[in-house]
C-alpha cells in the first residue's frame, strides 16, 4: 500500500515539475519606476484586422444570391434545334467512321499480338486479299496514323453537331 502512495506522489511531483520550470523562466513584470534593459522598438504594434460586414459593402442590389431570379443577366430559353436531315447525316457519318475505327483497332491489336509472338486468330481464307510484304512495324505505324485521322474526323463531326445545337443523345 505504501509503495502505491509513494509511486502516486512521485508521479504527481514529476508531472508538476515542468510547470515550475516554466514559471521560473518568465521575467518579472516591468514597473513604471524600473528602467528597461532594452530599447523600445521603433515599429508600432500591428493594427487590428478589418472585419467586413454587409454595411461596409456598397453593392447595388446587395449581396448576390445564387438562384435569385432578379439578378440573372441571361435567359434560359432553349436554343434552336437542328433539323432531322442534319441529325441523320451526322449520325450516318459517325456510324461509318466508328465502324472504320473499330476495324482499325482490331487490325492493330492483331498486328501487335503477331509482333509480340502470340497466337493470332486466323480470319479464314481471304480470296480477294494477296500477300502483304510491308513489315509489321510499318503496318502498325500506318494503322495508328489512320486511327488518329479517324478520331480527328469523329471529333470534328461531334463539334459540328454541338455547334448546330444537336444533343449527343440524338446521335445515338
C-alpha atoms as a PDB file:
ATOM      1  CA  UNK A   1       0.000   0.000   0.000  1.00  0.00           C
ATOM      2  CA  UNK A   2       2.804   2.387   0.872  1.00  0.00           C
ATOM      3  CA  UNK A   3       4.501   1.671  -2.464  1.00  0.00           C
ATOM      4  CA  UNK A   4       1.367   2.787  -4.294  1.00  0.00           C
ATOM      5  CA  UNK A   5       1.223   6.011  -2.307  1.00  0.00           C
ATOM      6  CA  UNK A   6       4.911   6.642  -2.906  1.00  0.00           C
ATOM      7  CA  UNK A   7       4.561   5.992  -6.679  1.00  0.00           C
ATOM      8  CA  UNK A   8       1.489   8.267  -6.868  1.00  0.00           C
ATOM      9  CA  UNK A   9       3.299  11.053  -5.031  1.00  0.00           C
ATOM     10  CA  UNK A  10       6.349  10.691  -7.287  1.00  0.00           C
ATOM     11  CA  UNK A  11       4.126  10.872 -10.372  1.00  0.00           C
ATOM     12  CA  UNK A  12       2.390  13.995  -9.057  1.00  0.00           C
ATOM     13  CA  UNK A  13       5.702  15.729  -8.242  1.00  0.00           C
ATOM     14  CA  UNK A  14       7.254  14.813 -11.611  1.00  0.00           C
ATOM     15  CA  UNK A  15       4.207  15.995 -13.573  1.00  0.00           C
ATOM     16  CA  UNK A  16       4.239  19.349 -11.737  1.00  0.00           C
ATOM     17  CA  UNK A  17       7.977  19.825 -12.350  1.00  0.00           C
ATOM     18  CA  UNK A  18       7.671  21.226 -15.922  1.00  0.00           C
ATOM     19  CA  UNK A  19       5.136  23.793 -14.687  1.00  0.00           C
ATOM     20  CA  UNK A  20       7.579  25.037 -12.059  1.00  0.00           C
ATOM     21  CA  UNK A  21      10.411  25.435 -14.561  1.00  0.00           C
ATOM     22  CA  UNK A  22       8.187  27.455 -16.894  1.00  0.00           C
ATOM     23  CA  UNK A  23       7.163  29.909 -14.204  1.00  0.00           C
ATOM     24  CA  UNK A  24      10.786  30.430 -13.127  1.00  0.00           C
ATOM     25  CA  UNK A  25      11.848  31.393 -16.660  1.00  0.00           C
ATOM     26  CA  UNK A  26       9.351  34.207 -17.121  1.00  0.00           C
ATOM     27  CA  UNK A  27      10.830  37.648 -16.422  1.00  0.00           C
ATOM     28  CA  UNK A  28       9.267  39.761 -13.690  1.00  0.00           C
ATOM     29  CA  UNK A  29       6.804  42.363 -14.934  1.00  0.00           C
ATOM     30  CA  UNK A  30       8.283  45.808 -15.553  1.00  0.00           C
ATOM     31  CA  UNK A  31       7.085  48.630 -13.357  1.00  0.00           C
ATOM     32  CA  UNK A  32       6.944  52.298 -14.131  1.00  0.00           C
ATOM     33  CA  UNK A  33       9.878  53.197 -11.847  1.00  0.00           C
ATOM     34  CA  UNK A  34      12.223  50.476 -13.131  1.00  0.00           C
ATOM     35  CA  UNK A  35      14.407  51.205 -16.153  1.00  0.00           C
ATOM     36  CA  UNK A  36      14.062  48.889 -19.101  1.00  0.00           C
ATOM     37  CA  UNK A  37      17.173  46.997 -20.178  1.00  0.00           C
ATOM     38  CA  UNK A  38      16.226  47.032 -23.854  1.00  0.00           C
ATOM     39  CA  UNK A  39      15.424  49.957 -26.059  1.00  0.00           C
ATOM     40  CA  UNK A  40      11.824  50.385 -27.223  1.00  0.00           C
ATOM     41  CA  UNK A  41      11.218  49.210 -30.779  1.00  0.00           C
ATOM     42  CA  UNK A  42      10.555  51.823 -33.422  1.00  0.00           C
ATOM     43  CA  UNK A  43       7.770  49.799 -35.063  1.00  0.00           C
ATOM     44  CA  UNK A  44       4.260  50.368 -33.788  1.00  0.00           C
ATOM     45  CA  UNK A  45       2.165  47.356 -32.845  1.00  0.00           C
ATOM     46  CA  UNK A  46       0.249  45.718 -35.706  1.00  0.00           C
ATOM     47  CA  UNK A  47      -3.083  47.305 -36.460  1.00  0.00           C
ATOM     48  CA  UNK A  48      -6.128  45.119 -35.917  1.00  0.00           C
ATOM     49  CA  UNK A  49      -7.619  43.330 -38.922  1.00  0.00           C
ATOM     50  CA  UNK A  50     -10.660  44.870 -40.557  1.00  0.00           C
ATOM     51  CA  UNK A  51     -13.823  42.783 -40.269  1.00  0.00           C
ATOM     52  CA  UNK A  52     -16.110  43.399 -43.229  1.00  0.00           C
ATOM     53  CA  UNK A  53     -19.849  43.407 -42.749  1.00  0.00           C
ATOM     54  CA  UNK A  54     -22.787  43.868 -45.127  1.00  0.00           C
ATOM     55  CA  UNK A  55     -22.882  47.566 -44.185  1.00  0.00           C
ATOM     56  CA  UNK A  56     -19.324  48.017 -45.477  1.00  0.00           C
ATOM     57  CA  UNK A  57     -20.135  46.530 -48.891  1.00  0.00           C
ATOM     58  CA  UNK A  58     -21.775  49.061 -51.168  1.00  0.00           C
ATOM     59  CA  UNK A  59     -23.387  46.686 -53.670  1.00  0.00           C
ATOM     60  CA  UNK A  60     -26.082  47.993 -55.944  1.00  0.00           C
ATOM     61  CA  UNK A  61     -28.580  45.237 -55.162  1.00  0.00           C
ATOM     62  CA  UNK A  62     -26.971  43.896 -52.024  1.00  0.00           C
ATOM     63  CA  UNK A  63     -25.149  40.618 -51.894  1.00  0.00           C
ATOM     64  CA  UNK A  64     -25.885  38.328 -54.836  1.00  0.00           C
ATOM     65  CA  UNK A  65     -27.683  35.110 -54.075  1.00  0.00           C
ATOM     66  CA  UNK A  66     -27.432  32.001 -56.219  1.00  0.00           C
ATOM     67  CA  UNK A  67     -30.761  31.304 -57.822  1.00  0.00           C
ATOM     68  CA  UNK A  68     -32.124  34.817 -57.369  1.00  0.00           C
ATOM     69  CA  UNK A  69     -34.235  35.412 -60.485  1.00  0.00           C
ATOM     70  CA  UNK A  70     -33.902  39.177 -60.234  1.00  0.00           C
ATOM     71  CA  UNK A  71     -30.137  39.216 -60.793  1.00  0.00           C
ATOM     72  CA  UNK A  72     -29.947  36.920 -63.838  1.00  0.00           C
ATOM     73  CA  UNK A  73     -28.356  38.521 -66.867  1.00  0.00           C
ATOM     74  CA  UNK A  74     -29.068  35.593 -69.168  1.00  0.00           C
ATOM     75  CA  UNK A  75     -32.161  33.924 -70.421  1.00  0.00           C
ATOM     76  CA  UNK A  76     -32.902  30.244 -70.001  1.00  0.00           C
ATOM     77  CA  UNK A  77     -34.612  29.732 -73.353  1.00  0.00           C
ATOM     78  CA  UNK A  78     -33.672  26.596 -75.265  1.00  0.00           C
ATOM     79  CA  UNK A  79     -31.642  27.108 -78.393  1.00  0.00           C
ATOM     80  CA  UNK A  80     -32.918  26.251 -81.834  1.00  0.00           C
ATOM     81  CA  UNK A  81     -32.946  22.547 -82.571  1.00  0.00           C
ATOM     82  CA  UNK A  82     -31.335  21.215 -85.715  1.00  0.00           C
ATOM     83  CA  UNK A  83     -33.414  19.726 -88.488  1.00  0.00           C
ATOM     84  CA  UNK A  84     -33.771  15.962 -88.753  1.00  0.00           C
ATOM     85  CA  UNK A  85     -31.869  15.777 -92.062  1.00  0.00           C
ATOM     86  CA  UNK A  86     -28.740  17.226 -90.467  1.00  0.00           C
ATOM     87  CA  UNK A  87     -29.030  14.902 -87.492  1.00  0.00           C
ATOM     88  CA  UNK A  88     -29.406  11.834 -89.712  1.00  0.00           C
ATOM     89  CA  UNK A  89     -26.481  12.909 -91.944  1.00  0.00           C
ATOM     90  CA  UNK A  90     -24.154  13.403 -88.969  1.00  0.00           C
ATOM     91  CA  UNK A  91     -25.344  10.153 -87.346  1.00  0.00           C
ATOM     92  CA  UNK A  92     -24.723   8.208 -90.582  1.00  0.00           C
ATOM     93  CA  UNK A  93     -21.223   9.682 -90.938  1.00  0.00           C
ATOM     94  CA  UNK A  94     -20.451   8.930 -87.291  1.00  0.00           C
ATOM     95  CA  UNK A  95     -21.561   5.320 -87.656  1.00  0.00           C
ATOM     96  CA  UNK A  96     -19.373   4.890 -90.762  1.00  0.00           C
ATOM     97  CA  UNK A  97     -16.316   6.445 -89.084  1.00  0.00           C
ATOM     98  CA  UNK A  98     -16.868   4.455 -85.896  1.00  0.00           C
ATOM     99  CA  UNK A  99     -17.027   1.201 -87.887  1.00  0.00           C
ATOM    100  CA  UNK A 100     -13.760   2.118 -89.647  1.00  0.00           C
ATOM    101  CA  UNK A 101     -12.170   2.970 -86.289  1.00  0.00           C
ATOM    102  CA  UNK A 102     -13.269  -0.357 -84.786  1.00  0.00           C
ATOM    103  CA  UNK A 103     -11.830  -2.212 -87.796  1.00  0.00           C
ATOM    104  CA  UNK A 104      -8.523  -0.327 -87.482  1.00  0.00           C
ATOM    105  CA  UNK A 105      -8.382  -1.102 -83.740  1.00  0.00           C
ATOM    106  CA  UNK A 106      -8.998  -4.807 -84.421  1.00  0.00           C
ATOM    107  CA  UNK A 107      -6.272  -4.967 -87.081  1.00  0.00           C
ATOM    108  CA  UNK A 108      -3.892  -3.045 -84.844  1.00  0.00           C
ATOM    109  CA  UNK A 109      -4.486  -5.423 -81.935  1.00  0.00           C
ATOM    110  CA  UNK A 110      -3.860  -8.429 -84.243  1.00  0.00           C
ATOM    111  CA  UNK A 111      -0.619  -6.968 -85.595  1.00  0.00           C
ATOM    112  CA  UNK A 112       0.636  -6.156 -82.089  1.00  0.00           C
ATOM    113  CA  UNK A 113      -0.135  -9.715 -80.959  1.00  0.00           C
ATOM    114  CA  UNK A 114       1.693 -11.067 -84.028  1.00  0.00           C
ATOM    115  CA  UNK A 115       4.682  -8.827 -83.348  1.00  0.00           C
ATOM    116  CA  UNK A 116       4.781 -10.000 -79.720  1.00  0.00           C
ATOM    117  CA  UNK A 117       4.812 -13.637 -80.870  1.00  0.00           C
ATOM    118  CA  UNK A 118       1.362 -14.549 -79.530  1.00  0.00           C
ATOM    119  CA  UNK A 119      -1.096 -16.745 -81.380  1.00  0.00           C
ATOM    120  CA  UNK A 120      -3.240 -14.720 -83.792  1.00  0.00           C
ATOM    121  CA  UNK A 121      -6.824 -15.660 -84.609  1.00  0.00           C
ATOM    122  CA  UNK A 122      -6.988 -16.809 -88.245  1.00  0.00           C
ATOM    123  CA  UNK A 123      -9.770 -14.951 -90.064  1.00  0.00           C
ATOM    124  CA  UNK A 124     -10.075 -17.771 -92.617  1.00  0.00           C
ATOM    125  CA  UNK A 125      -9.309 -17.707 -96.316  1.00  0.00           C
ATOM    126  CA  UNK A 126      -9.369 -14.297 -97.899  1.00  0.00           C
ATOM    127  CA  UNK A 127      -9.909 -14.766-101.605  1.00  0.00           C
ATOM    128  CA  UNK A 128      -9.513 -11.155-102.699  1.00  0.00           C
ATOM    129  CA  UNK A 129      -6.522 -10.403-100.444  1.00  0.00           C
ATOM    130  CA  UNK A 130      -2.966 -11.006-101.521  1.00  0.00           C
ATOM    131  CA  UNK A 131       0.225 -11.256 -99.527  1.00  0.00           C
ATOM    132  CA  UNK A 132       1.272  -8.135 -97.669  1.00  0.00           C
ATOM    133  CA  UNK A 133       5.000  -7.576 -97.993  1.00  0.00           C
ATOM    134  CA  UNK A 134       5.077  -4.452 -95.791  1.00  0.00           C
ATOM    135  CA  UNK A 135       6.893  -5.106 -92.484  1.00  0.00           C
ATOM    136  CA  UNK A 136       4.705  -5.396 -89.399  1.00  0.00           C
ATOM    137  CA  UNK A 137       6.115  -2.316 -87.657  1.00  0.00           C
ATOM    138  CA  UNK A 138       5.346  -0.172 -90.707  1.00  0.00           C
ATOM    139  CA  UNK A 139       1.824  -1.608 -90.892  1.00  0.00           C
ATOM    140  CA  UNK A 140       1.335  -0.705 -87.228  1.00  0.00           C
ATOM    141  CA  UNK A 141       2.549   2.845 -87.862  1.00  0.00           C
ATOM    142  CA  UNK A 142       0.161   3.209 -90.836  1.00  0.00           C
ATOM    143  CA  UNK A 143      -2.773   1.885 -88.821  1.00  0.00           C
ATOM    144  CA  UNK A 144      -2.015   4.218 -85.908  1.00  0.00           C
ATOM    145  CA  UNK A 145      -1.873   7.177 -88.310  1.00  0.00           C
ATOM    146  CA  UNK A 146      -5.205   6.214 -89.866  1.00  0.00           C
ATOM    147  CA  UNK A 147      -6.672   5.681 -86.371  1.00  0.00           C
ATOM    148  CA  UNK A 148      -5.589   9.179 -85.349  1.00  0.00           C
ATOM    149  CA  UNK A 149      -7.092  10.609 -88.538  1.00  0.00           C
ATOM    150  CA  UNK A 150     -10.406   8.803 -87.921  1.00  0.00           C
ATOM    151  CA  UNK A 151     -10.530  10.032 -84.318  1.00  0.00           C
ATOM    152  CA  UNK A 152      -9.977  13.601 -85.561  1.00  0.00           C
ATOM    153  CA  UNK A 153     -12.806  13.252 -88.082  1.00  0.00           C
ATOM    154  CA  UNK A 154     -15.137  11.911 -85.383  1.00  0.00           C
ATOM    155  CA  UNK A 155     -14.187  14.800 -83.102  1.00  0.00           C
ATOM    156  CA  UNK A 156     -14.859  17.293 -85.907  1.00  0.00           C
ATOM    157  CA  UNK A 157     -18.297  15.777 -86.540  1.00  0.00           C
ATOM    158  CA  UNK A 158     -19.170  15.951 -82.841  1.00  0.00           C
ATOM    159  CA  UNK A 159     -18.042  19.598 -82.714  1.00  0.00           C
ATOM    160  CA  UNK A 160     -20.169  20.392 -85.765  1.00  0.00           C
ATOM    161  CA  UNK A 161     -23.170  18.733 -84.132  1.00  0.00           C
ATOM    162  CA  UNK A 162     -22.593  20.654 -80.894  1.00  0.00           C
ATOM    163  CA  UNK A 163     -22.366  23.961 -82.766  1.00  0.00           C
ATOM    164  CA  UNK A 164     -25.625  23.238 -84.581  1.00  0.00           C
ATOM    165  CA  UNK A 165     -27.404  22.545 -81.286  1.00  0.00           C
ATOM    166  CA  UNK A 166     -27.689  18.783 -81.625  1.00  0.00           C
ATOM    167  CA  UNK A 167     -27.758  16.920 -78.329  1.00  0.00           C
ATOM    168  CA  UNK A 168     -25.364  13.960 -78.038  1.00  0.00           C
ATOM    169  CA  UNK A 169     -28.333  11.690 -77.323  1.00  0.00           C
ATOM    170  CA  UNK A 170     -29.791  12.414 -80.772  1.00  0.00           C
ATOM    171  CA  UNK A 171     -26.678  10.974 -82.434  1.00  0.00           C
ATOM    172  CA  UNK A 172     -27.001   7.531 -80.822  1.00  0.00           C
END
